[in-house]
Amino acid sequence: MSFGGYVEETESTEIESGGWPVLSTGEFRTMRRIPSMFEESSVVVALQAASLGVQSQLGDLLVDGVPPALDDLKTAVYERAVYGMAHADLLPEFATQDRKEAGENTAEDSFEQVDAFRTLAKRDISLLLGKSVNKVELI
């Protein structure tokens, strides 16, 4: 589930985090269809928090405290994990916005989507760690 249809062009902030792939609010908004109604600062904080959470779970990949150089495929998986966690964090905020005829079961859909986005992000983290994705679903 995305937040809506067309995503207006808005400003884009790059988020660097000490050797991990650079994230972009513009790319996040486009990939996850995040509307411009969300303040850029709110999106930045969601991405920073999500990246911190994902990075903490990828600690086994650090070599002497330095993140690994990720190839394009692993970078895409890392970004998807972070963007999925950030999207999950923003869903409850979106549910409280004025949505005009958005549907009667927004809250229920939101919680189901939060779980789905976090599950996918955990699978991506598992892939990056080289662990079986089947065990992730048991957690």
C-alpha atoms as a PDB file:
ATOM      1  CA  MET A   1       0.000   0.000   0.000  1.00  0.00           C
ATOM      2  CA  SER A   2       1.227   3.429  -0.812  1.00  0.00           C
ATOM      3  CA  PHE A   3      -0.115   6.684   0.486  1.00  0.00           C
ATOM      4  CA  GLY A   4      -1.777   7.716  -2.717  1.00  0.00           C
ATOM      5  CA  GLY A   5      -1.429   8.354  -6.401  1.00  0.00           C
ATOM      6  CA  TYR A   6       0.612  11.109  -7.942  1.00  0.00           C
ATOM      7  CA  VAL A   7       3.665  12.283  -6.032  1.00  0.00           C
ATOM      8  CA  GLU A   8       4.471  15.945  -6.593  1.00  0.00           C
ATOM      9  CA  GLU A   9       8.049  17.013  -7.115  1.00  0.00           C
ATOM     10  CA  THR A  10       9.348  18.276  -3.809  1.00  0.00           C
ATOM     11  CA  GLU A  11      12.720  19.018  -2.372  1.00  0.00           C
ATOM     12  CA  SER A  12      15.069  16.110  -1.872  1.00  0.00           C
ATOM     13  CA  THR A  13      17.505  15.714   0.989  1.00  0.00           C
ATOM     14  CA  GLU A  14      20.419  13.311   0.896  1.00  0.00           C
ATOM     15  CA  ILE A  15      21.095  11.483   4.142  1.00  0.00           C
ATOM     16  CA  GLU A  16      24.601  10.198   4.753  1.00  0.00           C
ATOM     17  CA  SER A  17      25.388   7.891   7.625  1.00  0.00           C
ATOM     18  CA  GLY A  18      29.037   7.092   7.996  1.00  0.00           C
ATOM     19  CA  GLY A  19      29.875   4.740   5.159  1.00  0.00           C
ATOM     20  CA  TRP A  20      26.452   3.209   4.555  1.00  0.00           C
ATOM     21  CA  PRO A  21      24.699   3.969   1.234  1.00  0.00           C
ATOM     22  CA  VAL A  22      23.402   7.516   0.922  1.00  0.00           C
ATOM     23  CA  LEU A  23      19.627   7.737   1.176  1.00  0.00           C
ATOM     24  CA  SER A  24      17.450  10.309  -0.562  1.00  0.00           C
ATOM     25  CA  THR A  25      14.074  11.631   0.504  1.00  0.00           C
ATOM     26  CA  GLY A  26      13.228  12.197  -3.172  1.00  0.00           C
ATOM     27  CA  GLU A  27      13.966   8.582  -4.063  1.00  0.00           C
ATOM     28  CA  PHE A  28      12.033   7.425  -0.981  1.00  0.00           C
ATOM     29  CA  ARG A  29       9.008   9.530  -1.922  1.00  0.00           C
ATOM     30  CA  THR A  30       9.070   8.230  -5.495  1.00  0.00           C
ATOM     31  CA  MET A  31       9.667   4.550  -4.685  1.00  0.00           C
ATOM     32  CA  ARG A  32       7.115   4.436  -1.872  1.00  0.00           C
ATOM     33  CA  ARG A  33       4.685   7.019  -3.340  1.00  0.00           C
ATOM     34  CA  ILE A  34       4.902   9.323  -0.331  1.00  0.00           C
ATOM     35  CA  PRO A  35       2.845  12.474  -0.992  1.00  0.00           C
ATOM     36  CA  SER A  36       4.114  15.991  -0.558  1.00  0.00           C
ATOM     37  CA  MET A  37       1.701  16.559   2.356  1.00  0.00           C
ATOM     38  CA  PHE A  38       4.454  15.125   4.586  1.00  0.00           C
ATOM     39  CA  GLU A  39       6.914  17.759   5.642  1.00  0.00           C
ATOM     40  CA  GLU A  40      10.443  17.117   4.409  1.00  0.00           C
ATOM     41  CA  SER A  41      11.730  17.252   7.983  1.00  0.00           C
ATOM     42  CA  SER A  42       9.314  14.481   9.026  1.00  0.00           C
ATOM     43  CA  VAL A  43      10.490  12.280   6.153  1.00  0.00           C
ATOM     44  CA  VAL A  44      14.152  12.976   7.002  1.00  0.00           C
ATOM     45  CA  VAL A  45      13.629  11.932  10.629  1.00  0.00           C
ATOM     46  CA  ALA A  46      11.764   8.771   9.583  1.00  0.00           C
ATOM     47  CA  LEU A  47      14.616   7.817   7.240  1.00  0.00           C
ATOM     48  CA  GLN A  48      17.277   8.591   9.843  1.00  0.00           C
ATOM     49  CA  ALA A  49      15.526   6.497  12.481  1.00  0.00           C
ATOM     50  CA  ALA A  50      14.936   3.637  10.048  1.00  0.00           C
ATOM     51  CA  SER A  51      18.540   3.666   8.843  1.00  0.00           C
ATOM     52  CA  LEU A  52      19.806   3.621  12.416  1.00  0.00           C
ATOM     53  CA  GLY A  53      17.574   0.640  13.174  1.00  0.00           C
ATOM     54  CA  VAL A  54      18.625  -1.284  10.074  1.00  0.00           C
ATOM     55  CA  GLN A  55      22.304  -0.496  10.615  1.00  0.00           C
ATOM     56  CA  SER A  56      22.143  -1.723  14.211  1.00  0.00           C
ATOM     57  CA  GLN A  57      20.860  -5.068  12.940  1.00  0.00           C
ATOM     58  CA  LEU A  58      23.669  -5.223  10.361  1.00  0.00           C
ATOM     59  CA  GLY A  59      26.413  -4.882  12.967  1.00  0.00           C
ATOM     60  CA  ASP A  60      27.856  -8.292  12.031  1.00  0.00           C
ATOM     61  CA  LEU A  61      28.842  -6.831   8.643  1.00  0.00           C
ATOM     62  CA  LEU A  62      31.104  -4.168  10.150  1.00  0.00           C
ATOM     63  CA  VAL A  63      34.856  -4.668   9.833  1.00  0.00           C
ATOM     64  CA  ASP A  64      36.717  -2.781  12.569  1.00  0.00           C
ATOM     65  CA  GLY A  65      33.626  -0.585  12.963  1.00  0.00           C
ATOM     66  CA  VAL A  66      33.487   0.290   9.253  1.00  0.00           C
ATOM     67  CA  PRO A  67      30.447  -0.591   7.110  1.00  0.00           C
ATOM     68  CA  PRO A  68      31.106  -2.861   4.138  1.00  0.00           C
ATOM     69  CA  ALA A  69      31.206  -1.616   0.560  1.00  0.00           C
ATOM     70  CA  LEU A  70      27.909  -2.850  -0.864  1.00  0.00           C
ATOM     71  CA  ASP A  71      27.515  -3.664  -4.545  1.00  0.00           C
ATOM     72  CA  ASP A  72      24.513  -2.293  -6.458  1.00  0.00           C
ATOM     73  CA  LEU A  73      22.297  -5.250  -5.644  1.00  0.00           C
ATOM     74  CA  LYS A  74      23.032  -5.169  -1.913  1.00  0.00           C
ATOM     75  CA  THR A  75      22.663  -1.385  -1.898  1.00  0.00           C
ATOM     76  CA  ALA A  76      19.183  -1.779  -3.399  1.00  0.00           C
ATOM     77  CA  VAL A  77      18.268  -4.345  -0.732  1.00  0.00           C
ATOM     78  CA  TYR A  78      19.644  -2.059   2.027  1.00  0.00           C
ATOM     79  CA  GLU A  79      17.654   0.895   0.678  1.00  0.00           C
ATOM     80  CA  ARG A  80      14.492  -1.208   0.441  1.00  0.00           C
ATOM     81  CA  ALA A  81      14.915  -2.297   4.068  1.00  0.00           C
ATOM     82  CA  VAL A  82      15.392   1.283   5.276  1.00  0.00           C
ATOM     83  CA  TYR A  83      12.638   2.708   3.073  1.00  0.00           C
ATOM     84  CA  GLY A  84      10.247  -0.031   4.204  1.00  0.00           C
ATOM     85  CA  MET A  85      10.913   0.665   7.883  1.00  0.00           C
ATOM     86  CA  ALA A  86      10.527   4.415   7.337  1.00  0.00           C
ATOM     87  CA  HIS A  87       7.288   3.861   5.421  1.00  0.00           C
ATOM     88  CA  ALA A  88       5.983   1.712   8.287  1.00  0.00           C
ATOM     89  CA  ASP A  89       6.866   4.478  10.754  1.00  0.00           C
ATOM     90  CA  LEU A  90       5.021   7.089   8.684  1.00  0.00           C
ATOM     91  CA  LEU A  91       1.811   5.073   8.187  1.00  0.00           C
ATOM     92  CA  PRO A  92       0.296   5.860  11.612  1.00  0.00           C
ATOM     93  CA  GLU A  93       1.067   9.538  11.040  1.00  0.00           C
ATOM     94  CA  PHE A  94      -0.651   9.351   7.679  1.00  0.00           C
ATOM     95  CA  ALA A  95      -3.721   7.737   9.235  1.00  0.00           C
ATOM     96  CA  THR A  96      -4.171  10.812  11.425  1.00  0.00           C
ATOM     97  CA  GLN A  97      -4.073  13.244   8.501  1.00  0.00           C
ATOM     98  CA  ASP A  98      -7.265  14.612   6.963  1.00  0.00           C
ATOM     99  CA  ARG A  99      -7.814  12.097   4.162  1.00  0.00           C
ATOM    100  CA  LYS A 100     -11.284  13.000   2.842  1.00  0.00           C
ATOM    101  CA  GLU A 101     -13.187   9.867   1.870  1.00  0.00           C
ATOM    102  CA  ALA A 102     -10.130   7.648   2.288  1.00  0.00           C
ATOM    103  CA  GLY A 103     -12.124   4.761   3.670  1.00  0.00           C
ATOM    104  CA  GLU A 104     -13.618   3.547   6.884  1.00  0.00           C
ATOM    105  CA  ASN A 105     -10.927   1.064   7.910  1.00  0.00           C
ATOM    106  CA  THR A 106      -7.808   3.206   7.592  1.00  0.00           C
ATOM    107  CA  ALA A 107      -6.540   2.320  11.062  1.00  0.00           C
ATOM    108  CA  GLU A 108      -6.870  -1.427  10.554  1.00  0.00           C
ATOM    109  CA  ASP A 109      -5.232  -1.238   7.135  1.00  0.00           C
ATOM    110  CA  SER A 110      -2.450   0.854   8.618  1.00  0.00           C
ATOM    111  CA  PHE A 111      -1.524  -1.707  11.273  1.00  0.00           C
ATOM    112  CA  GLU A 112      -1.593  -4.561   8.751  1.00  0.00           C
ATOM    113  CA  GLN A 113       0.611  -2.575   6.368  1.00  0.00           C
ATOM    114  CA  VAL A 114       3.037  -1.626   9.141  1.00  0.00           C
ATOM    115  CA  ASP A 115       3.509  -5.315   9.925  1.00  0.00           C
ATOM    116  CA  ALA A 116       3.895  -6.211   6.247  1.00  0.00           C
ATOM    117  CA  PHE A 117       6.495  -3.476   5.615  1.00  0.00           C
ATOM    118  CA  ARG A 118       8.498  -4.419   8.709  1.00  0.00           C
ATOM    119  CA  THR A 119       8.405  -8.118   7.802  1.00  0.00           C
ATOM    120  CA  LEU A 120       9.760  -7.389   4.339  1.00  0.00           C
ATOM    121  CA  ALA A 121      12.481  -5.152   5.810  1.00  0.00           C
ATOM    122  CA  LYS A 122      13.495  -7.940   8.201  1.00  0.00           C
ATOM    123  CA  ARG A 123      13.739 -10.325   5.260  1.00  0.00           C
ATOM    124  CA  ASP A 124      15.970  -7.826   3.451  1.00  0.00           C
ATOM    125  CA  ILE A 125      18.193  -7.523   6.522  1.00  0.00           C
ATOM    126  CA  SER A 126      18.389 -11.297   6.679  1.00  0.00           C
ATOM    127  CA  LEU A 127      19.446 -11.404   3.024  1.00  0.00           C
ATOM    128  CA  LEU A 128      22.212  -8.886   3.689  1.00  0.00           C
ATOM    129  CA  LEU A 129      23.427 -10.962   6.633  1.00  0.00           C
ATOM    130  CA  GLY A 130      23.398 -14.132   4.540  1.00  0.00           C
ATOM    131  CA  LYS A 131      20.870 -15.795   6.828  1.00  0.00           C
ATOM    132  CA  SER A 132      17.860 -17.837   5.860  1.00  0.00           C
ATOM    133  CA  VAL A 133      14.799 -15.685   5.324  1.00  0.00           C
ATOM    134  CA  ASN A 134      12.632 -18.550   6.598  1.00  0.00           C
ATOM    135  CA  LYS A 135      13.931 -18.129  10.145  1.00  0.00           C
ATOM    136  CA  VAL A 136      13.072 -14.411  10.093  1.00  0.00           C
ATOM    137  CA  GLU A 137       9.366 -15.174   9.844  1.00  0.00           C
ATOM    138  CA  LEU A 138       9.552 -17.174  13.072  1.00  0.00           C
ATOM    139  CA  ILE A 139      10.815 -14.174  15.050  1.00  0.00           C
END
